Amino acid sequence: MNTIPLSLILPVYNDAAALAAFLPELTAWLASQGRAEIIVVDDGSRDDVHAVCTAAVLPDNVVLRLLTLSRNFGKEAALSAGLQAARGEAVAMMDADGQHPVAVLAEMLTLHHQGADMVAAVQAKRGHENRLLGFLKRGFYRFMQDGSRYALTPDAGDFRVMGRKVVAALLALPERQRFMKGLYAWVGFKTVYLPFQAAPRQTGESKYNYPRLFELAIVGITSFSLKPLRWISRTGILVSLASLFYGIWVVLETLFFGRDVPGWTTVTAGIMFSAGVQLICLGIIGEYIGRIFEEVKQRPLYLVADEWRSDTDVNHATPHAP
């Protein structure tokens, strides 16, 4: 592979307007940075991302590449597609909505050149965030960090710069159900965290609503934690012990005190409680089995329907998998 100094990955989904507003700022900065490539990964957008890319004015040292996926595979898959295509010695990932400042990217590249294998931007303040969402996020990260051998840093997202060996390590991981924040932590390497303040979105709104965030959290938990399965075992032990002690108490009341223990209400409540616990446990086990089912099918993580490059202005329309 012919490497270049820098690759920039921009995953987009229905963000053509934001991309059109952000590209001039990005390319103006790249004009003084040496050879670089911008890889726009169109994750099944319904707007015209292709038109925005072909209309972009680029300096001579910058190549723009557009990977159009065959449908919406999700941001994790789009990032993986960009990493697979990237040729840079340093690879940066950032959102195309303008919230990741170019000035912060410059600082991250400086830290990478000073020896950090990976530099992650950490959002310092989320004043606009819904309180419930913030509470749920903090609970999620506490759950994931408790007893883990690798830590997930809260508010450190996909705005990152990494070297080739980190990219190679991420691409070597075969799972289809990808939780990128967990994968960054799992591969390790020398990582530096840089606080930053996100800029306001230039256009549009976030694509991450509560259902999508909940689904991503479930993928993260089932991919990186066995605690729910262990909780099932502990719950089963506790319920069994409670049933045993209750049974002993009933026997003692009947044999030694001659009292019949009235229990229809208690028995009914106990049966319903046990049934509820069993259904919850089955649901948790089912999530893990579902992840196994998705993995053993070994379907491609994504499909590329079309590729375009600014230096050749040629489309390659043969669909292919990674």
C-alpha atoms as a PDB file:
ATOM      1  CA  MET A   1       0.000   0.000   0.000  1.00  0.00           C
ATOM      2  CA  ASN A   2       1.319   3.436  -0.969  1.00  0.00           C
ATOM      3  CA  THR A   3       1.079   5.482   2.208  1.00  0.00           C
ATOM      4  CA  ILE A   4       0.652   9.225   2.533  1.00  0.00           C
ATOM      5  CA  PRO A   5       1.156  11.414   5.620  1.00  0.00           C
ATOM      6  CA  LEU A   6      -2.503  11.901   6.587  1.00  0.00           C
ATOM      7  CA  SER A   7      -5.931  10.354   6.002  1.00  0.00           C
ATOM      8  CA  LEU A   8      -9.109  12.012   7.257  1.00  0.00           C
ATOM      9  CA  ILE A   9     -12.265   9.885   7.602  1.00  0.00           C
ATOM     10  CA  LEU A  10     -15.650  11.624   7.554  1.00  0.00           C
ATOM     11  CA  PRO A  11     -18.680   9.305   7.994  1.00  0.00           C
ATOM     12  CA  VAL A  12     -21.870  10.973   6.772  1.00  0.00           C
ATOM     13  CA  TYR A  13     -25.534  10.028   6.843  1.00  0.00           C
ATOM     14  CA  ASN A  14     -28.020  12.531   5.397  1.00  0.00           C
ATOM     15  CA  ASP A  15     -25.511  15.303   6.136  1.00  0.00           C
ATOM     16  CA  ALA A  16     -24.828  16.692   2.661  1.00  0.00           C
ATOM     17  CA  ALA A  17     -25.563  20.279   3.742  1.00  0.00           C
ATOM     18  CA  ALA A  18     -23.281  20.017   6.763  1.00  0.00           C
ATOM     19  CA  LEU A  19     -20.541  18.430   4.652  1.00  0.00           C
ATOM     20  CA  ALA A  20     -20.790  21.236   2.078  1.00  0.00           C
ATOM     21  CA  ALA A  21     -20.347  23.793   4.865  1.00  0.00           C
ATOM     22  CA  PHE A  22     -17.465  21.955   6.555  1.00  0.00           C
ATOM     23  CA  LEU A  23     -15.299  20.905   3.587  1.00  0.00           C
ATOM     24  CA  PRO A  24     -14.026  24.437   2.698  1.00  0.00           C
ATOM     25  CA  GLU A  25     -12.777  24.963   6.263  1.00  0.00           C
ATOM     26  CA  LEU A  26     -11.117  21.557   6.332  1.00  0.00           C
ATOM     27  CA  THR A  27      -9.457  21.843   2.913  1.00  0.00           C
ATOM     28  CA  ALA A  28      -8.208  25.373   3.677  1.00  0.00           C
ATOM     29  CA  TRP A  29      -6.366  23.992   6.695  1.00  0.00           C
ATOM     30  CA  LEU A  30      -5.102  20.924   4.803  1.00  0.00           C
ATOM     31  CA  ALA A  31      -3.599  23.146   2.085  1.00  0.00           C
ATOM     32  CA  SER A  32      -0.609  23.776   4.381  1.00  0.00           C
ATOM     33  CA  GLN A  33      -0.302  20.236   5.756  1.00  0.00           C
ATOM     34  CA  GLY A  34       1.405  18.288   2.979  1.00  0.00           C
ATOM     35  CA  ARG A  35      -0.130  15.388   1.080  1.00  0.00           C
ATOM     36  CA  ALA A  36      -3.438  14.213   2.527  1.00  0.00           C
ATOM     37  CA  GLU A  37      -6.628  12.413   1.605  1.00  0.00           C
ATOM     38  CA  ILE A  38     -10.183  12.981   2.770  1.00  0.00           C
ATOM     39  CA  ILE A  39     -12.290   9.814   2.813  1.00  0.00           C
ATOM     40  CA  VAL A  40     -16.013  10.561   2.921  1.00  0.00           C
ATOM     41  CA  VAL A  41     -18.011   7.437   3.775  1.00  0.00           C
ATOM     42  CA  ASP A  42     -21.626   7.843   2.650  1.00  0.00           C
ATOM     43  CA  ASP A  43     -23.578   5.510   4.925  1.00  0.00           C
ATOM     44  CA  GLY A  44     -26.664   5.144   2.722  1.00  0.00           C
ATOM     45  CA  SER A  45     -27.655   8.825   2.682  1.00  0.00           C
ATOM     46  CA  ARG A  46     -30.826   9.928   0.922  1.00  0.00           C
ATOM     47  CA  ASP A  47     -29.418  13.366   0.067  1.00  0.00           C
ATOM     48  CA  ASP A  48     -26.778  14.069  -2.596  1.00  0.00           C
ATOM     49  CA  VAL A  49     -23.452  13.594  -0.848  1.00  0.00           C
ATOM     50  CA  HIS A  50     -21.902  12.673  -4.216  1.00  0.00           C
ATOM     51  CA  ALA A  51     -22.749  16.089  -5.681  1.00  0.00           C
ATOM     52  CA  VAL A  52     -21.172  17.843  -2.693  1.00  0.00           C
ATOM     53  CA  CYS A  53     -17.943  15.844  -3.079  1.00  0.00           C
ATOM     54  CA  THR A  54     -17.646  16.349  -6.842  1.00  0.00           C
ATOM     55  CA  ALA A  55     -18.239  20.099  -6.436  1.00  0.00           C
ATOM     56  CA  ALA A  56     -15.604  20.528  -3.709  1.00  0.00           C
ATOM     57  CA  VAL A  57     -12.671  22.818  -4.483  1.00  0.00           C
ATOM     58  CA  LEU A  58      -9.483  21.076  -3.370  1.00  0.00           C
ATOM     59  CA  PRO A  59      -5.858  22.204  -3.040  1.00  0.00           C
ATOM     60  CA  ASP A  60      -3.310  20.309  -5.134  1.00  0.00           C
ATOM     61  CA  ASN A  61      -2.018  18.321  -2.171  1.00  0.00           C
ATOM     62  CA  VAL A  62      -5.427  16.896  -1.173  1.00  0.00           C
ATOM     63  CA  VAL A  63      -7.330  13.989  -2.712  1.00  0.00           C
ATOM     64  CA  LEU A  64     -11.009  13.500  -1.906  1.00  0.00           C
ATOM     65  CA  ARG A  65     -12.352   9.948  -1.962  1.00  0.00           C
ATOM     66  CA  LEU A  66     -16.006   9.009  -1.646  1.00  0.00           C
ATOM     67  CA  LEU A  67     -17.077   5.533  -0.538  1.00  0.00           C
ATOM     68  CA  THR A  68     -20.801   5.000  -1.007  1.00  0.00           C
ATOM     69  CA  LEU A  69     -22.135   2.085   1.005  1.00  0.00           C
ATOM     70  CA  SER A  70     -24.976   0.043  -0.456  1.00  0.00           C
ATOM     71  CA  ARG A  71     -27.312   0.975   2.416  1.00  0.00           C
ATOM     72  CA  ASN A  72     -27.207   2.372   5.937  1.00  0.00           C
ATOM     73  CA  PHE A  73     -24.974   0.041   7.955  1.00  0.00           C
ATOM     74  CA  GLY A  74     -24.454   2.368  10.930  1.00  0.00           C
ATOM     75  CA  LYS A  75     -21.645   4.665  11.986  1.00  0.00           C
ATOM     76  CA  GLU A  76     -19.492   1.860  13.414  1.00  0.00           C
ATOM     77  CA  ALA A  77     -19.449   0.106  10.036  1.00  0.00           C
ATOM     78  CA  ALA A  78     -18.846   3.386   8.189  1.00  0.00           C
ATOM     79  CA  LEU A  79     -15.826   4.116  10.390  1.00  0.00           C
ATOM     80  CA  SER A  80     -14.508   0.617   9.733  1.00  0.00           C
ATOM     81  CA  ALA A  81     -14.920   1.154   5.979  1.00  0.00           C
ATOM     82  CA  GLY A  82     -12.920   4.360   6.234  1.00  0.00           C
ATOM     83  CA  LEU A  83     -10.172   2.680   8.253  1.00  0.00           C
ATOM     84  CA  GLN A  84      -9.967  -0.114   5.686  1.00  0.00           C
ATOM     85  CA  ALA A  85      -9.548   2.402   2.859  1.00  0.00           C
ATOM     86  CA  ALA A  86      -7.179   4.807   4.636  1.00  0.00           C
ATOM     87  CA  ARG A  87      -3.564   4.975   3.422  1.00  0.00           C
ATOM     88  CA  GLY A  88      -2.246   7.600   5.830  1.00  0.00           C
ATOM     89  CA  GLU A  89       0.606   7.150   8.271  1.00  0.00           C
ATOM     90  CA  ALA A  90      -1.671   9.113  10.575  1.00  0.00           C
ATOM     91  CA  VAL A  91      -5.421   8.479  10.347  1.00  0.00           C
ATOM     92  CA  ALA A  92      -7.925  10.941  11.780  1.00  0.00           C
ATOM     93  CA  MET A  93     -11.655  10.424  12.265  1.00  0.00           C
ATOM     94  CA  MET A  94     -14.089  13.272  12.789  1.00  0.00           C
ATOM     95  CA  ASP A  95     -17.718  14.171  12.201  1.00  0.00           C
ATOM     96  CA  ALA A  96     -18.698  16.182   9.137  1.00  0.00           C
ATOM     97  CA  ASP A  97     -21.217  18.370  10.972  1.00  0.00           C
ATOM     98  CA  GLY A  98     -18.644  20.954  12.084  1.00  0.00           C
ATOM     99  CA  GLN A  99     -18.769  20.042  15.782  1.00  0.00           C
ATOM    100  CA  HIS A 100     -15.199  18.743  15.734  1.00  0.00           C
ATOM    101  CA  PRO A 101     -13.014  21.853  15.333  1.00  0.00           C
ATOM    102  CA  VAL A 102     -10.122  21.787  12.874  1.00  0.00           C
ATOM    103  CA  ALA A 103      -7.954  23.628  15.429  1.00  0.00           C
ATOM    104  CA  VAL A 104      -8.380  20.709  17.844  1.00  0.00           C
ATOM    105  CA  LEU A 105      -7.454  18.276  15.066  1.00  0.00           C
ATOM    106  CA  ALA A 106      -4.198  20.210  14.577  1.00  0.00           C
ATOM    107  CA  GLU A 107      -3.402  19.823  18.301  1.00  0.00           C
ATOM    108  CA  MET A 108      -4.172  16.114  18.136  1.00  0.00           C
ATOM    109  CA  LEU A 109      -1.799  15.626  15.202  1.00  0.00           C
ATOM    110  CA  THR A 110       0.940  17.455  17.119  1.00  0.00           C
ATOM    111  CA  LEU A 111       0.473  15.077  20.082  1.00  0.00           C
ATOM    112  CA  HIS A 112       0.554  12.095  17.726  1.00  0.00           C
ATOM    113  CA  HIS A 113       3.792  13.293  16.131  1.00  0.00           C
ATOM    114  CA  GLN A 114       5.237  13.677  19.638  1.00  0.00           C
ATOM    115  CA  GLY A 115       4.848   9.948  20.237  1.00  0.00           C
ATOM    116  CA  ALA A 116       1.235   9.120  21.085  1.00  0.00           C
ATOM    117  CA  ASP A 117      -0.059   6.064  19.223  1.00  0.00           C
ATOM    118  CA  MET A 118      -3.619   7.349  19.564  1.00  0.00           C
ATOM    119  CA  VAL A 119      -5.008  10.748  20.515  1.00  0.00           C
ATOM    120  CA  ALA A 120      -8.660  10.951  21.602  1.00  0.00           C
ATOM    121  CA  ALA A 121     -10.589  14.182  21.975  1.00  0.00           C
ATOM    122  CA  VAL A 122     -12.683  14.300  25.161  1.00  0.00           C
ATOM    123  CA  GLN A 123     -15.664  16.616  25.194  1.00  0.00           C
ATOM    124  CA  ALA A 124     -15.124  18.754  28.279  1.00  0.00           C
ATOM    125  CA  LYS A 125     -18.618  20.156  28.741  1.00  0.00           C
ATOM    126  CA  ARG A 126     -22.060  19.131  27.517  1.00  0.00           C
ATOM    127  CA  GLY A 127     -24.185  22.021  28.709  1.00  0.00           C
ATOM    128  CA  HIS A 128     -26.862  21.401  26.082  1.00  0.00           C
ATOM    129  CA  GLU A 129     -27.278  17.690  26.886  1.00  0.00           C
ATOM    130  CA  ASN A 130     -30.546  16.368  28.294  1.00  0.00           C
ATOM    131  CA  ARG A 131     -30.166  15.522  32.006  1.00  0.00           C
ATOM    132  CA  LEU A 132     -31.743  12.091  31.645  1.00  0.00           C
ATOM    133  CA  LEU A 133     -29.406  11.249  28.766  1.00  0.00           C
ATOM    134  CA  GLY A 134     -26.412  12.433  30.783  1.00  0.00           C
ATOM    135  CA  PHE A 135     -27.494  10.310  33.763  1.00  0.00           C
ATOM    136  CA  LEU A 136     -27.898   7.213  31.581  1.00  0.00           C
ATOM    137  CA  LYS A 137     -24.509   7.750  29.937  1.00  0.00           C
ATOM    138  CA  ARG A 138     -22.758   8.070  33.295  1.00  0.00           C
ATOM    139  CA  GLY A 139     -24.457   4.882  34.492  1.00  0.00           C
ATOM    140  CA  PHE A 140     -23.400   3.050  31.332  1.00  0.00           C
ATOM    141  CA  TYR A 141     -19.750   4.033  31.672  1.00  0.00           C
ATOM    142  CA  ARG A 142     -19.690   3.164  35.387  1.00  0.00           C
ATOM    143  CA  PHE A 143     -21.134  -0.246  34.548  1.00  0.00           C
ATOM    144  CA  MET A 144     -18.585  -0.851  31.783  1.00  0.00           C
ATOM    145  CA  GLN A 145     -15.619   0.280  33.887  1.00  0.00           C
ATOM    146  CA  ASP A 146     -16.471  -1.678  37.036  1.00  0.00           C
ATOM    147  CA  GLY A 147     -13.995  -4.545  37.231  1.00  0.00           C
ATOM    148  CA  SER A 148     -12.833  -4.140  33.640  1.00  0.00           C
ATOM    149  CA  ARG A 149      -9.213  -4.592  32.623  1.00  0.00           C
ATOM    150  CA  TYR A 150      -9.519  -1.739  30.133  1.00  0.00           C
ATOM    151  CA  ALA A 151     -11.256   1.555  30.779  1.00  0.00           C
ATOM    152  CA  LEU A 152     -13.738   3.343  28.551  1.00  0.00           C
ATOM    153  CA  THR A 153     -13.155   7.064  28.955  1.00  0.00           C
ATOM    154  CA  PRO A 154     -16.463   8.948  29.266  1.00  0.00           C
ATOM    155  CA  ASP A 155     -17.072  11.593  26.578  1.00  0.00           C
ATOM    156  CA  ALA A 156     -14.205  10.253  24.434  1.00  0.00           C
ATOM    157  CA  GLY A 157     -15.912   9.432  21.151  1.00  0.00           C
ATOM    158  CA  ASP A 158     -14.753   8.805  17.597  1.00  0.00           C
ATOM    159  CA  PHE A 159     -12.876  12.096  17.189  1.00  0.00           C
ATOM    160  CA  ARG A 160      -9.411  10.525  17.166  1.00  0.00           C
ATOM    161  CA  VAL A 161      -6.017  10.421  15.510  1.00  0.00           C
ATOM    162  CA  MET A 162      -4.139   7.122  15.343  1.00  0.00           C
ATOM    163  CA  GLY A 163      -1.055   5.614  13.784  1.00  0.00           C
ATOM    164  CA  ARG A 164      -0.824   2.703  11.369  1.00  0.00           C
ATOM    165  CA  LYS A 165      -0.272   0.055  14.047  1.00  0.00           C
ATOM    166  CA  VAL A 166      -3.468   1.087  15.845  1.00  0.00           C
ATOM    167  CA  VAL A 167      -5.381   1.017  12.553  1.00  0.00           C
ATOM    168  CA  ALA A 168      -3.967  -2.433  11.784  1.00  0.00           C
ATOM    169  CA  ALA A 169      -4.983  -3.685  15.237  1.00  0.00           C
ATOM    170  CA  LEU A 170      -8.550  -2.408  14.841  1.00  0.00           C
ATOM    171  CA  LEU A 171      -8.883  -3.946  11.379  1.00  0.00           C
ATOM    172  CA  ALA A 172      -7.597  -7.287  12.699  1.00  0.00           C
ATOM    173  CA  LEU A 173     -10.584  -7.581  15.050  1.00  0.00           C
ATOM    174  CA  PRO A 174     -13.137  -9.758  13.238  1.00  0.00           C
ATOM    175  CA  GLU A 175     -16.424  -9.029  15.024  1.00  0.00           C
ATOM    176  CA  ARG A 176     -19.396  -7.798  13.016  1.00  0.00           C
ATOM    177  CA  GLN A 177     -21.227  -6.255  15.960  1.00  0.00           C
ATOM    178  CA  ARG A 178     -18.753  -3.446  16.516  1.00  0.00           C
ATOM    179  CA  PHE A 179     -18.698  -1.075  19.465  1.00  0.00           C
ATOM    180  CA  MET A 180     -15.850   1.197  18.456  1.00  0.00           C
ATOM    181  CA  LYS A 181     -15.373   2.887  21.836  1.00  0.00           C
ATOM    182  CA  GLY A 182     -14.807  -0.535  23.369  1.00  0.00           C
ATOM    183  CA  LEU A 183     -12.454  -1.573  20.558  1.00  0.00           C
ATOM    184  CA  TYR A 184     -10.321   1.559  21.031  1.00  0.00           C
ATOM    185  CA  ALA A 185      -9.919   0.648  24.704  1.00  0.00           C
ATOM    186  CA  TRP A 186      -9.338  -3.048  24.016  1.00  0.00           C
ATOM    187  CA  VAL A 187      -6.439  -2.582  21.567  1.00  0.00           C
ATOM    188  CA  GLY A 188      -4.643  -0.384  24.095  1.00  0.00           C
ATOM    189  CA  PHE A 189      -1.470   1.402  22.886  1.00  0.00           C
ATOM    190  CA  LYS A 190      -0.217   4.707  24.229  1.00  0.00           C
ATOM    191  CA  THR A 191      -3.250   6.985  24.248  1.00  0.00           C
ATOM    192  CA  VAL A 192      -3.381  10.684  25.061  1.00  0.00           C
ATOM    193  CA  TYR A 193      -6.688  12.401  25.863  1.00  0.00           C
ATOM    194  CA  LEU A 194      -7.226  15.998  24.796  1.00  0.00           C
ATOM    195  CA  PRO A 195     -10.155  17.971  26.285  1.00  0.00           C
ATOM    196  CA  PHE A 196     -12.099  20.093  23.806  1.00  0.00           C
ATOM    197  CA  GLN A 197     -15.335  22.013  23.520  1.00  0.00           C
ATOM    198  CA  ALA A 198     -17.582  20.897  20.669  1.00  0.00           C
ATOM    199  CA  ALA A 199     -18.753  23.599  18.300  1.00  0.00           C
ATOM    200  CA  PRO A 200     -22.467  23.979  17.470  1.00  0.00           C
ATOM    201  CA  ARG A 201     -23.759  21.893  14.575  1.00  0.00           C
ATOM    202  CA  GLN A 202     -23.656  23.902  11.369  1.00  0.00           C
ATOM    203  CA  THR A 203     -26.855  22.366  10.012  1.00  0.00           C
ATOM    204  CA  GLY A 204     -29.299  19.565  10.823  1.00  0.00           C
ATOM    205  CA  GLU A 205     -29.573  17.606  14.046  1.00  0.00           C
ATOM    206  CA  SER A 206     -28.012  14.554  15.627  1.00  0.00           C
ATOM    207  CA  LYS A 207     -29.063  11.167  14.210  1.00  0.00           C
ATOM    208  CA  TYR A 208     -28.640   9.513  17.611  1.00  0.00           C
ATOM    209  CA  ASN A 209     -31.979   9.286  19.415  1.00  0.00           C
ATOM    210  CA  TYR A 210     -32.805   7.253  22.531  1.00  0.00           C
ATOM    211  CA  PRO A 211     -33.571   3.960  20.687  1.00  0.00           C
ATOM    212  CA  ARG A 212     -30.325   4.086  18.698  1.00  0.00           C
ATOM    213  CA  LEU A 213     -28.279   4.953  21.778  1.00  0.00           C
ATOM    214  CA  PHE A 214     -29.969   2.139  23.725  1.00  0.00           C
ATOM    215  CA  GLU A 215     -29.181  -0.324  20.920  1.00  0.00           C
ATOM    216  CA  LEU A 216     -25.552   0.825  20.852  1.00  0.00           C
ATOM    217  CA  ALA A 217     -25.337   0.403  24.638  1.00  0.00           C
ATOM    218  CA  ILE A 218     -26.701  -3.161  24.371  1.00  0.00           C
ATOM    219  CA  VAL A 219     -24.096  -3.968  21.696  1.00  0.00           C
ATOM    220  CA  GLY A 220     -21.383  -2.538  23.939  1.00  0.00           C
ATOM    221  CA  ILE A 221     -22.485  -4.482  27.010  1.00  0.00           C
ATOM    222  CA  THR A 222     -22.939  -7.816  25.242  1.00  0.00           C
ATOM    223  CA  SER A 223     -19.656  -7.399  23.351  1.00  0.00           C
ATOM    224  CA  PHE A 224     -17.459  -6.379  26.271  1.00  0.00           C
ATOM    225  CA  SER A 225     -19.027  -7.540  29.523  1.00  0.00           C
ATOM    226  CA  LEU A 226     -20.046 -10.866  31.039  1.00  0.00           C
ATOM    227  CA  LYS A 227     -21.504  -9.230  34.137  1.00  0.00           C
ATOM    228  CA  PRO A 228     -25.174  -9.664  33.081  1.00  0.00           C
ATOM    229  CA  LEU A 229     -24.625 -13.417  32.719  1.00  0.00           C
ATOM    230  CA  ARG A 230     -22.943 -13.572  36.106  1.00  0.00           C
ATOM    231  CA  TRP A 231     -25.813 -11.598  37.619  1.00  0.00           C
ATOM    232  CA  ILE A 232     -28.160 -14.298  36.336  1.00  0.00           C
ATOM    233  CA  SER A 233     -26.214 -16.942  38.262  1.00  0.00           C
ATOM    234  CA  ARG A 234     -26.196 -14.834  41.419  1.00  0.00           C
ATOM    235  CA  THR A 235     -29.901 -14.071  41.096  1.00  0.00           C
ATOM    236  CA  GLY A 236     -30.643 -17.780  40.706  1.00  0.00           C
ATOM    237  CA  ILE A 237     -28.634 -18.569  43.847  1.00  0.00           C
ATOM    238  CA  LEU A 238     -30.413 -15.855  45.862  1.00  0.00           C
ATOM    239  CA  VAL A 239     -33.882 -16.948  44.733  1.00  0.00           C
ATOM    240  CA  SER A 240     -33.041 -20.594  45.463  1.00  0.00           C
ATOM    241  CA  LEU A 241     -31.770 -19.738  48.947  1.00  0.00           C
ATOM    242  CA  ALA A 242     -34.846 -17.619  49.659  1.00  0.00           C
ATOM    243  CA  SER A 243     -37.092 -20.506  48.579  1.00  0.00           C
ATOM    244  CA  LEU A 244     -35.108 -22.960  50.724  1.00  0.00           C
ATOM    245  CA  PHE A 245     -35.351 -20.804  53.848  1.00  0.00           C
ATOM    246  CA  TYR A 246     -39.045 -20.206  53.266  1.00  0.00           C
ATOM    247  CA  GLY A 247     -39.619 -23.948  52.908  1.00  0.00           C
ATOM    248  CA  ILE A 248     -37.718 -24.638  56.157  1.00  0.00           C
ATOM    249  CA  TRP A 249     -39.783 -21.995  57.937  1.00  0.00           C
ATOM    250  CA  VAL A 250     -43.053 -23.564  56.730  1.00  0.00           C
ATOM    251  CA  VAL A 251     -41.942 -27.028  57.910  1.00  0.00           C
ATOM    252  CA  LEU A 252     -40.913 -25.730  61.337  1.00  0.00           C
ATOM    253  CA  GLU A 253     -44.167 -23.803  61.796  1.00  0.00           C
ATOM    254  CA  THR A 254     -46.187 -26.915  60.941  1.00  0.00           C
ATOM    255  CA  LEU A 255     -44.204 -29.571  62.893  1.00  0.00           C
ATOM    256  CA  PHE A 256     -43.268 -27.706  66.064  1.00  0.00           C
ATOM    257  CA  PHE A 257     -46.071 -25.203  66.459  1.00  0.00           C
ATOM    258  CA  GLY A 258     -48.893 -27.015  64.728  1.00  0.00           C
ATOM    259  CA  ARG A 259     -49.836 -23.983  62.689  1.00  0.00           C
ATOM    260  CA  ASP A 260     -50.835 -24.207  59.066  1.00  0.00           C
ATOM    261  CA  VAL A 261     -49.091 -21.437  57.189  1.00  0.00           C
ATOM    262  CA  PRO A 262     -51.605 -19.582  54.991  1.00  0.00           C
ATOM    263  CA  GLY A 263     -49.840 -19.077  51.715  1.00  0.00           C
ATOM    264  CA  TRP A 264     -52.008 -18.757  48.651  1.00  0.00           C
ATOM    265  CA  THR A 265     -51.149 -15.091  48.262  1.00  0.00           C
ATOM    266  CA  THR A 266     -47.519 -15.703  49.131  1.00  0.00           C
ATOM    267  CA  VAL A 267     -47.261 -18.681  46.790  1.00  0.00           C
ATOM    268  CA  THR A 268     -48.904 -16.770  43.947  1.00  0.00           C
ATOM    269  CA  ALA A 269     -46.621 -13.771  44.442  1.00  0.00           C
ATOM    270  CA  GLY A 270     -43.596 -16.063  44.659  1.00  0.00           C
ATOM    271  CA  ILE A 271     -44.513 -17.857  41.437  1.00  0.00           C
ATOM    272  CA  MET A 272     -45.063 -14.568  39.595  1.00  0.00           C
ATOM    273  CA  PHE A 273     -41.795 -13.156  40.942  1.00  0.00           C
ATOM    274  CA  SER A 274     -39.879 -16.279  39.897  1.00  0.00           C
ATOM    275  CA  ALA A 275     -41.493 -16.233  36.449  1.00  0.00           C
ATOM    276  CA  GLY A 276     -40.539 -12.571  36.004  1.00  0.00           C
ATOM    277  CA  VAL A 277     -36.957 -13.237  37.021  1.00  0.00           C
ATOM    278  CA  GLN A 278     -36.781 -16.179  34.619  1.00  0.00           C
ATOM    279  CA  LEU A 279     -38.098 -14.101  31.704  1.00  0.00           C
ATOM    280  CA  ILE A 280     -35.590 -11.330  32.421  1.00  0.00           C
ATOM    281  CA  CYS A 281     -32.788 -13.878  32.571  1.00  0.00           C
ATOM    282  CA  LEU A 282     -33.947 -15.471  29.323  1.00  0.00           C
ATOM    283  CA  GLY A 283     -33.994 -12.047  27.704  1.00  0.00           C
ATOM    284  CA  ILE A 284     -30.411 -11.359  28.774  1.00  0.00           C
ATOM    285  CA  ILE A 285     -29.250 -14.775  27.595  1.00  0.00           C
ATOM    286  CA  GLY A 286     -31.165 -14.200  24.355  1.00  0.00           C
ATOM    287  CA  GLU A 287     -29.225 -10.991  23.695  1.00  0.00           C
ATOM    288  CA  TYR A 288     -25.938 -12.861  23.972  1.00  0.00           C
ATOM    289  CA  ILE A 289     -27.219 -15.706  21.788  1.00  0.00           C
ATOM    290  CA  GLY A 290     -28.397 -13.123  19.245  1.00  0.00           C
ATOM    291  CA  ARG A 291     -24.903 -11.627  19.099  1.00  0.00           C
ATOM    292  CA  ILE A 292     -23.456 -15.102  18.553  1.00  0.00           C
ATOM    293  CA  PHE A 293     -26.001 -15.706  15.776  1.00  0.00           C
ATOM    294  CA  GLU A 294     -24.984 -12.465  14.038  1.00  0.00           C
ATOM    295  CA  GLU A 295     -21.295 -13.329  14.303  1.00  0.00           C
ATOM    296  CA  VAL A 296     -21.442 -16.931  13.055  1.00  0.00           C
ATOM    297  CA  LYS A 297     -23.214 -15.880   9.851  1.00  0.00           C
ATOM    298  CA  GLN A 298     -19.986 -14.041   8.948  1.00  0.00           C
ATOM    299  CA  ARG A 299     -21.722 -11.547   6.705  1.00  0.00           C
ATOM    300  CA  PRO A 300     -19.596  -8.594   5.577  1.00  0.00           C
ATOM    301  CA  LEU A 301     -19.577  -5.646   7.941  1.00  0.00           C
ATOM    302  CA  TYR A 302     -20.549  -3.379   5.030  1.00  0.00           C
ATOM    303  CA  LEU A 303     -20.827  -3.352   1.227  1.00  0.00           C
ATOM    304  CA  VAL A 304     -19.329  -0.620  -0.930  1.00  0.00           C
ATOM    305  CA  ALA A 305     -21.654   0.151  -3.841  1.00  0.00           C
ATOM    306  CA  ASP A 306     -19.560   2.868  -5.465  1.00  0.00           C
ATOM    307  CA  GLU A 307     -16.209   4.640  -5.182  1.00  0.00           C
ATOM    308  CA  TRP A 308     -15.134   8.020  -6.529  1.00  0.00           C
ATOM    309  CA  ARG A 309     -11.779   9.830  -6.435  1.00  0.00           C
ATOM    310  CA  SER A 310     -11.104  13.462  -7.171  1.00  0.00           C
ATOM    311  CA  ASP A 311      -7.706  12.738  -8.745  1.00  0.00           C
ATOM    312  CA  THR A 312      -9.186  10.424 -11.370  1.00  0.00           C
ATOM    313  CA  ASP A 313     -12.819  11.583 -11.428  1.00  0.00           C
ATOM    314  CA  VAL A 314     -13.804   7.997 -12.220  1.00  0.00           C
ATOM    315  CA  ASN A 315     -16.506   5.930 -10.589  1.00  0.00           C
ATOM    316  CA  HIS A 316     -15.870   2.297  -9.713  1.00  0.00           C
ATOM    317  CA  ALA A 317     -19.343   0.850  -9.551  1.00  0.00           C
ATOM    318  CA  THR A 318     -18.556  -2.792  -8.764  1.00  0.00           C
ATOM    319  CA  PRO A 319     -19.983  -3.522  -5.300  1.00  0.00           C
ATOM    320  CA  HIS A 320     -17.531  -5.184  -2.942  1.00  0.00           C
ATOM    321  CA  ALA A 321     -17.142  -6.190   0.656  1.00  0.00           C
ATOM    322  CA  PRO A 322     -14.172  -5.312   2.878  1.00  0.00           C
END
